[in-house]
Amino acid sequence: MNPQDVVTAPRNIGSKAWATRRMPPWVIVAIAVIIAATVVLSLVHKPSQAERASDFRGYLGDVNAGIISCAGGLRDAITALDTVEAGDTAQYSAAQGILAYNAQNCSPANNESLQNFTNYQVAESLASFNLDTADNDVITWAFDAQAAMNDMIPVLEAKTPAAKAQANATLKTEMDKVNAVHATILSFWDKAQKSTDNGSPFPNLSS
């Protein structure tokens, strides 16, 4: 057999050979430039005053949607208790029902709107105002309002002056907590409102 008749097998240029090839330097540089540009743009962008005002208005509406039934329930409960305490004993049974129902409505487990609010995300333009902390305080306020309404029941049902006095003292302590948390929430909202120059009304958490 002549040497020229020998057929030489082709070299293997399969996937293993391709796997050893490196990414071209210009591709790495291009990716790095894109990432850097994205980071710079995110740092440079600042929300406008109008954007922050609009976002704060929307935020207040969302808070109100989450807490309105609980807050209104607390005010109704206070009215119902005061009516009976003022001598309208015909409203006794109605007041009992109002206190029990409205107290449960201040629990996220029994109030879908309040439950949804526990997962609320504040708009990025409002991040400097720590409204996420205010939102946690809103949930705390709801639980304190629930406790206050539960404490109204012993006031309503007390049969002796001593029992009435003790029940009222316990209720006052809980209502002081409700009002203290409300004041803390207002401090966050006031700061955001002044900074955004937005005059939208706050959710009514007054008792």
N, C-alpha and C. Protein backbone atom coordinates (compact mmCIF):
# COMPACT_ATOMS: atom_id res chain seq x y z
N MET A 1 0.85 -1.19 0.00
CA MET A 1 0.00 0.00 0.00
C MET A 1 0.89 1.24 0.00
N ASN A 2 0.59 2.13 -0.89
CA ASN A 2 1.37 3.36 -0.97
C ASN A 2 0.96 4.31 0.14
N PRO A 3 1.93 5.08 0.63
CA PRO A 3 1.61 6.01 1.73
C PRO A 3 0.51 6.97 1.37
N GLN A 4 0.50 7.39 0.05
CA GLN A 4 -0.52 8.35 -0.32
C GLN A 4 -1.92 7.80 -0.32
N ASP A 5 -2.02 6.45 -0.25
CA ASP A 5 -3.35 5.83 -0.23
C ASP A 5 -3.94 5.77 1.18
N VAL A 6 -3.17 6.11 2.20
CA VAL A 6 -3.65 6.06 3.58
C VAL A 6 -4.56 7.26 3.85
N VAL A 7 -5.76 6.99 4.34
CA VAL A 7 -6.71 8.08 4.66
C VAL A 7 -6.57 8.45 6.13
N THR A 8 -6.26 9.66 6.38
CA THR A 8 -6.09 10.14 7.77
C THR A 8 -7.44 10.54 8.35
N ALA A 9 -7.78 10.04 9.55
CA ALA A 9 -9.06 10.36 10.20
C ALA A 9 -9.11 11.82 10.59
N PRO A 10 -10.23 12.47 10.41
CA PRO A 10 -10.35 13.91 10.78
C PRO A 10 -10.23 14.10 12.28
N ARG A 11 -9.72 15.26 12.68
CA ARG A 11 -9.59 15.58 14.11
C ARG A 11 -10.97 15.82 14.72
N ASN A 12 -11.10 15.45 15.98
CA ASN A 12 -12.38 15.63 16.69
C ASN A 12 -12.56 17.10 17.07
N ILE A 13 -13.57 17.73 16.53
CA ILE A 13 -13.84 19.15 16.85
C ILE A 13 -15.22 19.27 17.51
N GLY A 14 -15.54 18.30 18.36
CA GLY A 14 -16.86 18.24 19.01
C GLY A 14 -17.04 19.27 20.08
N SER A 15 -18.02 19.00 20.95
CA SER A 15 -18.42 19.97 21.96
C SER A 15 -17.33 20.27 22.95
N LYS A 16 -16.41 19.30 23.18
CA LYS A 16 -15.36 19.52 24.17
C LYS A 16 -14.44 20.63 23.72
N ALA A 17 -14.16 20.66 22.41
CA ALA A 17 -13.28 21.71 21.89
C ALA A 17 -13.95 23.07 22.00
N TRP A 18 -15.25 23.13 21.70
CA TRP A 18 -15.96 24.40 21.79
C TRP A 18 -16.04 24.89 23.23
N ALA A 19 -16.16 23.98 24.16
CA ALA A 19 -16.33 24.35 25.56
C ALA A 19 -15.12 25.08 26.11
N THR A 20 -13.94 24.85 25.48
CA THR A 20 -12.73 25.48 26.00
C THR A 20 -12.54 26.88 25.46
N ARG A 21 -13.38 27.32 24.52
CA ARG A 21 -13.22 28.65 23.97
C ARG A 21 -13.73 29.70 24.95
N ARG A 22 -13.04 30.80 25.08
CA ARG A 22 -13.41 31.86 26.01
C ARG A 22 -14.26 32.92 25.32
N MET A 23 -15.10 33.61 26.16
CA MET A 23 -15.91 34.71 25.63
C MET A 23 -15.00 35.83 25.19
N PRO A 24 -15.25 36.39 24.03
CA PRO A 24 -14.40 37.49 23.55
C PRO A 24 -14.38 38.64 24.53
N PRO A 25 -13.23 39.28 24.70
CA PRO A 25 -13.12 40.39 25.66
C PRO A 25 -14.12 41.51 25.42
N TRP A 26 -14.41 41.79 24.13
CA TRP A 26 -15.32 42.91 23.87
C TRP A 26 -16.73 42.64 24.39
N VAL A 27 -17.12 41.34 24.43
CA VAL A 27 -18.44 40.99 24.96
C VAL A 27 -18.49 41.27 26.46
N ILE A 28 -17.42 40.90 27.16
CA ILE A 28 -17.35 41.13 28.61
C ILE A 28 -17.42 42.62 28.90
N VAL A 29 -16.69 43.41 28.12
CA VAL A 29 -16.68 44.87 28.32
C VAL A 29 -18.08 45.44 28.07
N ALA A 30 -18.74 44.96 27.02
CA ALA A 30 -20.09 45.46 26.70
C ALA A 30 -21.07 45.18 27.82
N ILE A 31 -21.01 43.96 28.38
CA ILE A 31 -21.91 43.59 29.48
C ILE A 31 -21.65 44.47 30.70
N ALA A 32 -20.37 44.70 30.98
CA ALA A 32 -20.00 45.53 32.13
C ALA A 32 -20.52 46.95 31.96
N VAL A 33 -20.44 47.47 30.75
CA VAL A 33 -20.91 48.83 30.48
C VAL A 33 -22.42 48.92 30.68
N ILE A 34 -23.16 47.91 30.21
CA ILE A 34 -24.61 47.91 30.35
C ILE A 34 -25.02 47.87 31.82
N ILE A 35 -24.36 47.01 32.60
CA ILE A 35 -24.67 46.91 34.03
C ILE A 35 -24.38 48.23 34.74
N ALA A 36 -23.22 48.82 34.43
CA ALA A 36 -22.84 50.08 35.07
C ALA A 36 -23.83 51.18 34.72
N ALA A 37 -24.26 51.22 33.45
CA ALA A 37 -25.21 52.25 33.03
C ALA A 37 -26.54 52.09 33.76
N THR A 38 -26.98 50.85 33.94
CA THR A 38 -28.24 50.58 34.64
C THR A 38 -28.17 51.05 36.08
N VAL A 39 -27.04 50.76 36.75
CA VAL A 39 -26.87 51.18 38.14
C VAL A 39 -26.85 52.69 38.25
N VAL A 40 -26.13 53.35 37.35
CA VAL A 40 -26.03 54.81 37.39
C VAL A 40 -27.40 55.45 37.18
N LEU A 41 -28.16 54.94 36.21
CA LEU A 41 -29.48 55.49 35.95
C LEU A 41 -30.41 55.35 37.15
N SER A 42 -30.31 54.21 37.83
CA SER A 42 -31.17 53.99 39.00
C SER A 42 -30.80 54.93 40.13
N LEU A 43 -29.51 55.28 40.21
CA LEU A 43 -29.07 56.18 41.28
C LEU A 43 -29.37 57.63 40.94
N VAL A 44 -29.28 57.98 39.67
CA VAL A 44 -29.47 59.36 39.26
C VAL A 44 -30.94 59.75 39.27
N HIS A 45 -31.85 58.81 38.93
CA HIS A 45 -33.27 59.15 38.83
C HIS A 45 -33.83 59.53 40.20
N LYS A 46 -34.43 60.69 40.24
CA LYS A 46 -35.10 61.13 41.46
C LYS A 46 -36.55 61.44 41.10
N PRO A 47 -37.49 60.94 41.91
CA PRO A 47 -38.90 61.20 41.60
C PRO A 47 -39.21 62.68 41.70
N SER A 48 -40.06 63.15 40.83
CA SER A 48 -40.46 64.56 40.85
C SER A 48 -41.41 64.80 42.02
N GLN A 49 -41.59 66.08 42.32
CA GLN A 49 -42.51 66.45 43.39
C GLN A 49 -43.92 65.99 43.06
N ALA A 50 -44.30 66.14 41.80
CA ALA A 50 -45.64 65.72 41.39
C ALA A 50 -45.81 64.21 41.52
N GLU A 51 -44.76 63.46 41.19
CA GLU A 51 -44.83 62.00 41.31
C GLU A 51 -44.98 61.58 42.76
N ARG A 52 -44.21 62.20 43.63
CA ARG A 52 -44.30 61.84 45.05
C ARG A 52 -45.65 62.23 45.63
N ALA A 53 -46.16 63.40 45.22
CA ALA A 53 -47.48 63.83 45.71
C ALA A 53 -48.56 62.85 45.27
N SER A 54 -48.48 62.42 44.00
CA SER A 54 -49.46 61.46 43.49
C SER A 54 -49.35 60.12 44.20
N ASP A 55 -48.12 59.67 44.43
CA ASP A 55 -47.92 58.39 45.10
C ASP A 55 -48.39 58.45 46.55
N PHE A 56 -48.20 59.60 47.21
CA PHE A 56 -48.64 59.73 48.60
C PHE A 56 -50.17 59.76 48.66
N ARG A 57 -50.79 60.41 47.70
CA ARG A 57 -52.26 60.42 47.65
C ARG A 57 -52.79 58.99 47.48
N GLY A 58 -52.15 58.24 46.59
CA GLY A 58 -52.56 56.85 46.39
C GLY A 58 -52.32 56.01 47.62
N TYR A 59 -51.20 56.29 48.30
CA TYR A 59 -50.87 55.55 49.52
C TYR A 59 -51.95 55.75 50.59
N LEU A 60 -52.35 56.99 50.80
CA LEU A 60 -53.37 57.28 51.82
C LEU A 60 -54.68 56.57 51.48
N GLY A 61 -55.01 56.54 50.18
CA GLY A 61 -56.22 55.83 49.77
C GLY A 61 -56.13 54.35 50.06
N ASP A 62 -54.95 53.77 49.85
CA ASP A 62 -54.77 52.34 50.12
C ASP A 62 -54.84 52.04 51.61
N VAL A 63 -54.23 52.91 52.42
CA VAL A 63 -54.31 52.72 53.88
C VAL A 63 -55.76 52.79 54.33
N ASN A 64 -56.47 53.78 53.80
CA ASN A 64 -57.88 53.95 54.19
C ASN A 64 -58.71 52.72 53.83
N ALA A 65 -58.46 52.18 52.65
CA ALA A 65 -59.20 50.98 52.21
C ALA A 65 -58.95 49.81 53.16
N GLY A 66 -57.73 49.73 53.69
CA GLY A 66 -57.39 48.62 54.56
C GLY A 66 -57.93 48.74 55.97
N ILE A 67 -58.01 49.97 56.48
CA ILE A 67 -58.31 50.15 57.89
C ILE A 67 -59.69 50.76 58.16
N ILE A 68 -60.38 51.19 57.11
CA ILE A 68 -61.61 51.97 57.31
C ILE A 68 -62.68 51.23 58.10
N SER A 69 -62.88 49.95 57.83
CA SER A 69 -63.95 49.23 58.54
C SER A 69 -63.61 49.03 60.01
N CYS A 70 -62.34 48.82 60.31
CA CYS A 70 -61.92 48.67 61.71
C CYS A 70 -62.04 50.00 62.44
N ALA A 71 -61.55 51.07 61.79
CA ALA A 71 -61.58 52.39 62.43
C ALA A 71 -63.02 52.85 62.66
N GLY A 72 -63.87 52.67 61.64
CA GLY A 72 -65.27 53.04 61.80
C GLY A 72 -65.94 52.18 62.85
N GLY A 73 -65.53 50.92 62.93
CA GLY A 73 -66.10 50.02 63.94
C GLY A 73 -65.78 50.46 65.35
N LEU A 74 -64.56 50.97 65.55
CA LEU A 74 -64.18 51.45 66.89
C LEU A 74 -65.04 52.65 67.29
N ARG A 75 -65.22 53.57 66.35
CA ARG A 75 -66.04 54.75 66.66
C ARG A 75 -67.49 54.35 66.94
N ASP A 76 -68.01 53.41 66.17
CA ASP A 76 -69.38 52.94 66.41
C ASP A 76 -69.50 52.25 67.77
N ALA A 77 -68.46 51.51 68.14
CA ALA A 77 -68.47 50.81 69.42
C ALA A 77 -68.48 51.80 70.58
N ILE A 78 -67.67 52.86 70.45
CA ILE A 78 -67.64 53.88 71.50
C ILE A 78 -69.01 54.55 71.62
N THR A 79 -69.63 54.85 70.49
CA THR A 79 -70.95 55.48 70.49
C THR A 79 -71.99 54.56 71.15
N ALA A 80 -71.91 53.28 70.80
CA ALA A 80 -72.88 52.32 71.37
C ALA A 80 -72.72 52.21 72.88
N LEU A 81 -71.47 52.14 73.34
CA LEU A 81 -71.23 52.05 74.78
C LEU A 81 -71.69 53.31 75.49
N ASP A 82 -71.36 54.47 74.92
CA ASP A 82 -71.75 55.74 75.55
C ASP A 82 -73.27 55.88 75.63
N THR A 83 -73.97 55.37 74.63
CA THR A 83 -75.44 55.46 74.61
C THR A 83 -76.04 54.69 75.79
N VAL A 84 -75.54 53.49 76.00
CA VAL A 84 -76.05 52.68 77.12
C VAL A 84 -75.64 53.29 78.45
N GLU A 85 -74.37 53.73 78.53
CA GLU A 85 -73.88 54.31 79.77
C GLU A 85 -74.63 55.59 80.13
N ALA A 86 -75.17 56.25 79.11
CA ALA A 86 -75.94 57.48 79.36
C ALA A 86 -77.36 57.18 79.83
N GLY A 87 -77.75 55.90 79.86
CA GLY A 87 -79.05 55.53 80.40
C GLY A 87 -80.01 54.89 79.43
N ASP A 88 -79.62 54.76 78.16
CA ASP A 88 -80.52 54.15 77.17
C ASP A 88 -80.35 52.64 77.22
N THR A 89 -80.93 52.01 78.22
CA THR A 89 -80.77 50.57 78.42
C THR A 89 -81.44 49.74 77.33
N ALA A 90 -82.33 50.35 76.55
CA ALA A 90 -82.98 49.63 75.47
C ALA A 90 -81.96 49.24 74.38
N GLN A 91 -80.82 49.93 74.38
CA GLN A 91 -79.78 49.66 73.38
C GLN A 91 -78.73 48.67 73.89
N TYR A 92 -79.00 48.08 75.03
CA TYR A 92 -78.00 47.19 75.65
C TYR A 92 -77.65 46.00 74.74
N SER A 93 -78.64 45.29 74.28
CA SER A 93 -78.39 44.11 73.44
C SER A 93 -77.73 44.51 72.12
N ALA A 94 -78.18 45.62 71.54
CA ALA A 94 -77.58 46.10 70.30
C ALA A 94 -76.11 46.44 70.51
N ALA A 95 -75.81 47.07 71.64
CA ALA A 95 -74.43 47.44 71.94
C ALA A 95 -73.55 46.21 72.10
N GLN A 96 -74.07 45.19 72.75
CA GLN A 96 -73.32 43.95 72.89
C GLN A 96 -72.92 43.38 71.53
N GLY A 97 -73.87 43.35 70.61
CA GLY A 97 -73.60 42.83 69.28
C GLY A 97 -72.60 43.68 68.51
N ILE A 98 -72.73 44.99 68.64
CA ILE A 98 -71.81 45.91 67.96
C ILE A 98 -70.39 45.72 68.46
N LEU A 99 -70.22 45.64 69.78
CA LEU A 99 -68.89 45.49 70.35
C LEU A 99 -68.24 44.18 69.90
N ALA A 100 -68.99 43.10 69.96
CA ALA A 100 -68.43 41.80 69.59
C ALA A 100 -68.06 41.74 68.11
N TYR A 101 -68.97 42.20 67.26
CA TYR A 101 -68.72 42.13 65.81
C TYR A 101 -67.58 43.05 65.39
N ASN A 102 -67.62 44.28 65.86
CA ASN A 102 -66.62 45.25 65.44
C ASN A 102 -65.22 44.90 65.96
N ALA A 103 -65.15 44.28 67.12
CA ALA A 103 -63.85 43.85 67.64
C ALA A 103 -63.24 42.80 66.72
N GLN A 104 -64.04 41.84 66.28
CA GLN A 104 -63.53 40.81 65.38
C GLN A 104 -63.11 41.40 64.04
N ASN A 105 -63.77 42.47 63.63
CA ASN A 105 -63.47 43.09 62.33
C ASN A 105 -62.13 43.82 62.33
N CYS A 106 -61.53 43.99 63.48
CA CYS A 106 -60.21 44.62 63.56
C CYS A 106 -59.09 43.59 63.56
N SER A 107 -59.42 42.34 63.29
CA SER A 107 -58.42 41.28 63.17
C SER A 107 -58.20 40.96 61.70
N PRO A 108 -56.96 40.96 61.21
CA PRO A 108 -56.70 40.59 59.81
C PRO A 108 -57.28 39.23 59.44
N ALA A 109 -57.37 38.34 60.41
CA ALA A 109 -57.90 37.00 60.13
C ALA A 109 -59.37 37.04 59.75
N ASN A 110 -60.09 38.10 60.18
CA ASN A 110 -61.52 38.20 59.91
C ASN A 110 -61.89 39.33 58.97
N ASN A 111 -60.90 40.06 58.50
CA ASN A 111 -61.13 41.23 57.65
C ASN A 111 -60.20 41.15 56.45
N GLU A 112 -60.75 40.83 55.29
CA GLU A 112 -59.93 40.61 54.10
C GLU A 112 -59.16 41.86 53.69
N SER A 113 -59.80 43.01 53.79
CA SER A 113 -59.12 44.27 53.42
C SER A 113 -57.92 44.53 54.32
N LEU A 114 -58.11 44.29 55.60
CA LEU A 114 -57.01 44.49 56.56
C LEU A 114 -55.92 43.45 56.33
N GLN A 115 -56.31 42.23 56.03
CA GLN A 115 -55.34 41.17 55.74
C GLN A 115 -54.51 41.54 54.52
N ASN A 116 -55.15 42.05 53.48
CA ASN A 116 -54.42 42.45 52.27
C ASN A 116 -53.43 43.57 52.58
N PHE A 117 -53.82 44.46 53.49
CA PHE A 117 -52.94 45.58 53.82
C PHE A 117 -51.68 45.13 54.55
N THR A 118 -51.71 43.99 55.20
CA THR A 118 -50.51 43.52 55.91
C THR A 118 -49.37 43.23 54.94
N ASN A 119 -49.68 43.05 53.65
CA ASN A 119 -48.65 42.78 52.64
C ASN A 119 -48.39 43.99 51.75
N TYR A 120 -48.82 45.16 52.17
CA TYR A 120 -48.73 46.36 51.33
C TYR A 120 -47.28 46.79 51.12
N GLN A 121 -46.98 47.20 49.88
CA GLN A 121 -45.65 47.69 49.53
C GLN A 121 -45.74 49.18 49.19
N VAL A 122 -44.99 49.99 49.91
CA VAL A 122 -44.99 51.43 49.68
C VAL A 122 -44.22 51.75 48.40
N ALA A 123 -44.70 52.71 47.63
CA ALA A 123 -44.03 53.12 46.39
C ALA A 123 -42.60 53.57 46.69
N GLU A 124 -41.69 53.26 45.75
CA GLU A 124 -40.27 53.58 45.96
C GLU A 124 -40.04 55.08 46.12
N SER A 125 -40.85 55.90 45.48
CA SER A 125 -40.67 57.35 45.57
C SER A 125 -40.90 57.87 46.98
N LEU A 126 -41.57 57.07 47.82
CA LEU A 126 -41.89 57.49 49.20
C LEU A 126 -40.99 56.81 50.24
N ALA A 127 -39.95 56.14 49.77
CA ALA A 127 -39.12 55.32 50.66
C ALA A 127 -38.48 56.13 51.79
N SER A 128 -38.16 57.39 51.54
CA SER A 128 -37.46 58.20 52.55
C SER A 128 -38.34 58.56 53.74
N PHE A 129 -39.65 58.34 53.64
CA PHE A 129 -40.56 58.73 54.71
C PHE A 129 -40.85 57.60 55.71
N ASN A 130 -40.26 56.44 55.51
CA ASN A 130 -40.44 55.30 56.43
C ASN A 130 -41.91 54.95 56.63
N LEU A 131 -42.66 54.99 55.55
CA LEU A 131 -44.08 54.69 55.65
C LEU A 131 -44.35 53.21 55.89
N ASP A 132 -43.35 52.36 55.60
CA ASP A 132 -43.52 50.95 55.93
C ASP A 132 -43.62 50.76 57.44
N THR A 133 -42.88 51.59 58.19
CA THR A 133 -42.98 51.56 59.65
C THR A 133 -44.36 52.04 60.09
N ALA A 134 -44.85 53.10 59.44
CA ALA A 134 -46.19 53.60 59.75
C ALA A 134 -47.24 52.53 59.47
N ASP A 135 -47.04 51.76 58.40
CA ASP A 135 -48.00 50.70 58.06
C ASP A 135 -48.02 49.62 59.14
N ASN A 136 -46.85 49.27 59.65
CA ASN A 136 -46.81 48.30 60.76
C ASN A 136 -47.55 48.85 61.98
N ASP A 137 -47.43 50.16 62.19
CA ASP A 137 -48.14 50.78 63.31
C ASP A 137 -49.65 50.78 63.08
N VAL A 138 -50.07 50.89 61.83
CA VAL A 138 -51.50 50.82 61.52
C VAL A 138 -52.06 49.45 61.92
N ILE A 139 -51.31 48.40 61.63
CA ILE A 139 -51.75 47.06 62.02
C ILE A 139 -51.76 46.93 63.54
N THR A 140 -50.74 47.50 64.20
CA THR A 140 -50.73 47.50 65.66
C THR A 140 -51.93 48.24 66.21
N TRP A 141 -52.25 49.37 65.58
CA TRP A 141 -53.42 50.15 65.99
C TRP A 141 -54.69 49.31 65.90
N ALA A 142 -54.81 48.52 64.84
CA ALA A 142 -56.00 47.68 64.67
C ALA A 142 -56.11 46.66 65.79
N PHE A 143 -55.01 46.03 66.15
CA PHE A 143 -55.05 45.05 67.24
C PHE A 143 -55.37 45.73 68.57
N ASP A 144 -54.82 46.93 68.78
CA ASP A 144 -55.13 47.66 70.01
C ASP A 144 -56.60 48.09 70.05
N ALA A 145 -57.13 48.46 68.88
CA ALA A 145 -58.55 48.82 68.81
C ALA A 145 -59.42 47.62 69.12
N GLN A 146 -59.00 46.46 68.64
CA GLN A 146 -59.74 45.23 68.95
C GLN A 146 -59.73 44.95 70.45
N ALA A 147 -58.57 45.11 71.07
CA ALA A 147 -58.46 44.89 72.51
C ALA A 147 -59.33 45.88 73.28
N ALA A 148 -59.36 47.13 72.80
CA ALA A 148 -60.17 48.15 73.47
C ALA A 148 -61.66 47.80 73.41
N MET A 149 -62.10 47.33 72.26
CA MET A 149 -63.52 46.97 72.13
C MET A 149 -63.87 45.76 73.00
N ASN A 150 -62.92 44.84 73.10
CA ASN A 150 -63.14 43.71 74.01
C ASN A 150 -63.23 44.19 75.46
N ASP A 151 -62.47 45.24 75.79
CA ASP A 151 -62.50 45.78 77.15
C ASP A 151 -63.77 46.59 77.42
N MET A 152 -64.46 46.98 76.36
CA MET A 152 -65.71 47.71 76.55
C MET A 152 -66.83 46.80 77.05
N ILE A 153 -66.74 45.53 76.74
CA ILE A 153 -67.79 44.59 77.12
C ILE A 153 -67.93 44.49 78.64
N PRO A 154 -66.81 44.35 79.41
CA PRO A 154 -66.96 44.35 80.87
C PRO A 154 -67.53 45.65 81.42
N VAL A 155 -67.22 46.78 80.77
CA VAL A 155 -67.81 48.05 81.20
C VAL A 155 -69.32 47.99 81.03
N LEU A 156 -69.74 47.48 79.88
CA LEU A 156 -71.16 47.38 79.58
C LEU A 156 -71.89 46.44 80.54
N GLU A 157 -71.21 45.35 80.91
CA GLU A 157 -71.86 44.30 81.69
C GLU A 157 -71.66 44.42 83.20
N ALA A 158 -70.85 45.38 83.64
CA ALA A 158 -70.57 45.52 85.08
C ALA A 158 -71.85 45.76 85.88
N LYS A 159 -71.96 45.06 87.01
CA LYS A 159 -73.19 45.14 87.82
C LYS A 159 -73.04 45.99 89.08
N THR A 160 -71.81 46.27 89.47
CA THR A 160 -71.58 47.06 90.69
C THR A 160 -70.68 48.24 90.36
N PRO A 161 -70.72 49.29 91.19
CA PRO A 161 -69.84 50.45 90.96
C PRO A 161 -68.36 50.06 90.95
N ALA A 162 -67.97 49.13 91.83
CA ALA A 162 -66.56 48.72 91.89
C ALA A 162 -66.15 48.02 90.60
N ALA A 163 -67.02 47.13 90.12
CA ALA A 163 -66.72 46.42 88.88
C ALA A 163 -66.68 47.38 87.70
N LYS A 164 -67.58 48.36 87.73
CA LYS A 164 -67.62 49.36 86.66
C LYS A 164 -66.34 50.20 86.66
N ALA A 165 -65.90 50.59 87.85
CA ALA A 165 -64.68 51.41 87.95
C ALA A 165 -63.45 50.64 87.46
N GLN A 166 -63.37 49.37 87.85
CA GLN A 166 -62.24 48.55 87.42
C GLN A 166 -62.25 48.35 85.90
N ALA A 167 -63.42 48.10 85.35
CA ALA A 167 -63.53 47.89 83.91
C ALA A 167 -63.19 49.15 83.14
N ASN A 168 -63.62 50.29 83.67
CA ASN A 168 -63.31 51.56 83.01
C ASN A 168 -61.82 51.88 83.07
N ALA A 169 -61.17 51.52 84.17
CA ALA A 169 -59.73 51.76 84.30
C ALA A 169 -58.96 50.92 83.28
N THR A 170 -59.37 49.68 83.11
CA THR A 170 -58.72 48.80 82.13
C THR A 170 -58.94 49.33 80.72
N LEU A 171 -60.16 49.78 80.45
CA LEU A 171 -60.48 50.33 79.13
C LEU A 171 -59.66 51.59 78.85
N LYS A 172 -59.51 52.45 79.84
CA LYS A 172 -58.74 53.68 79.65
C LYS A 172 -57.29 53.36 79.28
N THR A 173 -56.71 52.37 79.96
CA THR A 173 -55.33 51.99 79.67
C THR A 173 -55.20 51.55 78.21
N GLU A 174 -56.16 50.78 77.73
CA GLU A 174 -56.10 50.29 76.35
C GLU A 174 -56.35 51.43 75.36
N MET A 175 -57.27 52.32 75.67
CA MET A 175 -57.53 53.44 74.78
C MET A 175 -56.34 54.40 74.73
N ASP A 176 -55.62 54.52 75.82
CA ASP A 176 -54.39 55.33 75.81
C ASP A 176 -53.38 54.75 74.83
N LYS A 177 -53.29 53.43 74.75
CA LYS A 177 -52.40 52.77 73.80
C LYS A 177 -52.85 53.05 72.37
N VAL A 178 -54.16 52.95 72.14
CA VAL A 178 -54.71 53.23 70.81
C VAL A 178 -54.34 54.64 70.36
N ASN A 179 -54.53 55.61 71.25
CA ASN A 179 -54.25 57.00 70.90
C ASN A 179 -52.77 57.28 70.75
N ALA A 180 -51.93 56.59 71.52
CA ALA A 180 -50.49 56.78 71.40
C ALA A 180 -49.97 56.27 70.06
N VAL A 181 -50.46 55.11 69.64
CA VAL A 181 -50.05 54.58 68.34
C VAL A 181 -50.55 55.49 67.23
N HIS A 182 -51.75 56.01 67.38
CA HIS A 182 -52.29 56.95 66.39
C HIS A 182 -51.38 58.16 66.25
N ALA A 183 -50.92 58.69 67.36
CA ALA A 183 -50.04 59.85 67.32
C ALA A 183 -48.73 59.53 66.60
N THR A 184 -48.20 58.35 66.81
CA THR A 184 -46.98 57.94 66.13
C THR A 184 -47.19 57.85 64.62
N ILE A 185 -48.31 57.26 64.22
CA ILE A 185 -48.64 57.16 62.79
C ILE A 185 -48.74 58.55 62.17
N LEU A 186 -49.41 59.45 62.87
CA LEU A 186 -49.58 60.81 62.35
C LEU A 186 -48.24 61.51 62.15
N SER A 187 -47.26 61.21 62.98
CA SER A 187 -45.96 61.85 62.83
C SER A 187 -45.30 61.48 61.50
N PHE A 188 -45.47 60.24 61.07
CA PHE A 188 -44.95 59.81 59.77
C PHE A 188 -45.74 60.46 58.63
N TRP A 189 -47.04 60.43 58.76
CA TRP A 189 -47.88 60.99 57.70
C TRP A 189 -47.69 62.50 57.56
N ASP A 190 -47.57 63.20 58.68
CA ASP A 190 -47.36 64.65 58.63
C ASP A 190 -46.08 64.99 57.89
N LYS A 191 -45.02 64.25 58.16
CA LYS A 191 -43.74 64.50 57.51
C LYS A 191 -43.86 64.31 56.00
N ALA A 192 -44.50 63.22 55.60
CA ALA A 192 -44.66 62.94 54.17
C ALA A 192 -45.56 63.98 53.51
N GLN A 193 -46.61 64.38 54.20
CA GLN A 193 -47.54 65.36 53.63
C GLN A 193 -46.85 66.71 53.41
N LYS A 194 -46.09 67.15 54.37
CA LYS A 194 -45.40 68.44 54.24
C LYS A 194 -44.35 68.38 53.13
N SER A 195 -43.65 67.27 53.02
CA SER A 195 -42.60 67.15 52.02
C SER A 195 -43.16 67.06 50.60
N THR A 196 -44.29 66.38 50.45
CA THR A 196 -44.88 66.21 49.12
C THR A 196 -45.85 67.33 48.77
N ASP A 197 -46.17 68.16 49.75
CA ASP A 197 -47.12 69.26 49.57
C ASP A 197 -48.44 68.73 49.04
N ASN A 198 -48.88 67.63 49.67
CA ASN A 198 -50.14 67.01 49.27
C ASN A 198 -51.15 67.16 50.41
N GLY A 199 -52.28 67.74 50.12
CA GLY A 199 -53.25 68.03 51.17
C GLY A 199 -54.35 66.99 51.33
N SER A 200 -54.14 65.78 50.80
CA SER A 200 -55.16 64.75 50.92
C SER A 200 -55.44 64.42 52.38
N PRO A 201 -56.70 64.20 52.75
CA PRO A 201 -57.02 63.89 54.15
C PRO A 201 -56.47 62.54 54.57
N PHE A 202 -56.09 62.43 55.83
CA PHE A 202 -55.58 61.16 56.37
C PHE A 202 -56.73 60.22 56.69
N PRO A 203 -56.47 58.93 56.67
CA PRO A 203 -57.46 57.96 57.17
C PRO A 203 -57.84 58.32 58.61
N ASN A 204 -59.12 58.24 58.92
CA ASN A 204 -59.60 58.67 60.23
C ASN A 204 -59.42 57.56 61.26
N LEU A 205 -58.37 57.69 62.07
CA LEU A 205 -58.12 56.72 63.14
C LEU A 205 -58.45 57.32 64.50
N SER A 206 -59.10 58.45 64.51
CA SER A 206 -59.43 59.09 65.78
C SER A 206 -60.50 58.29 66.51
N SER A 207 -60.43 58.36 67.83
CA SER A 207 -61.42 57.67 68.64
C SER A 207 -62.20 58.67 69.47
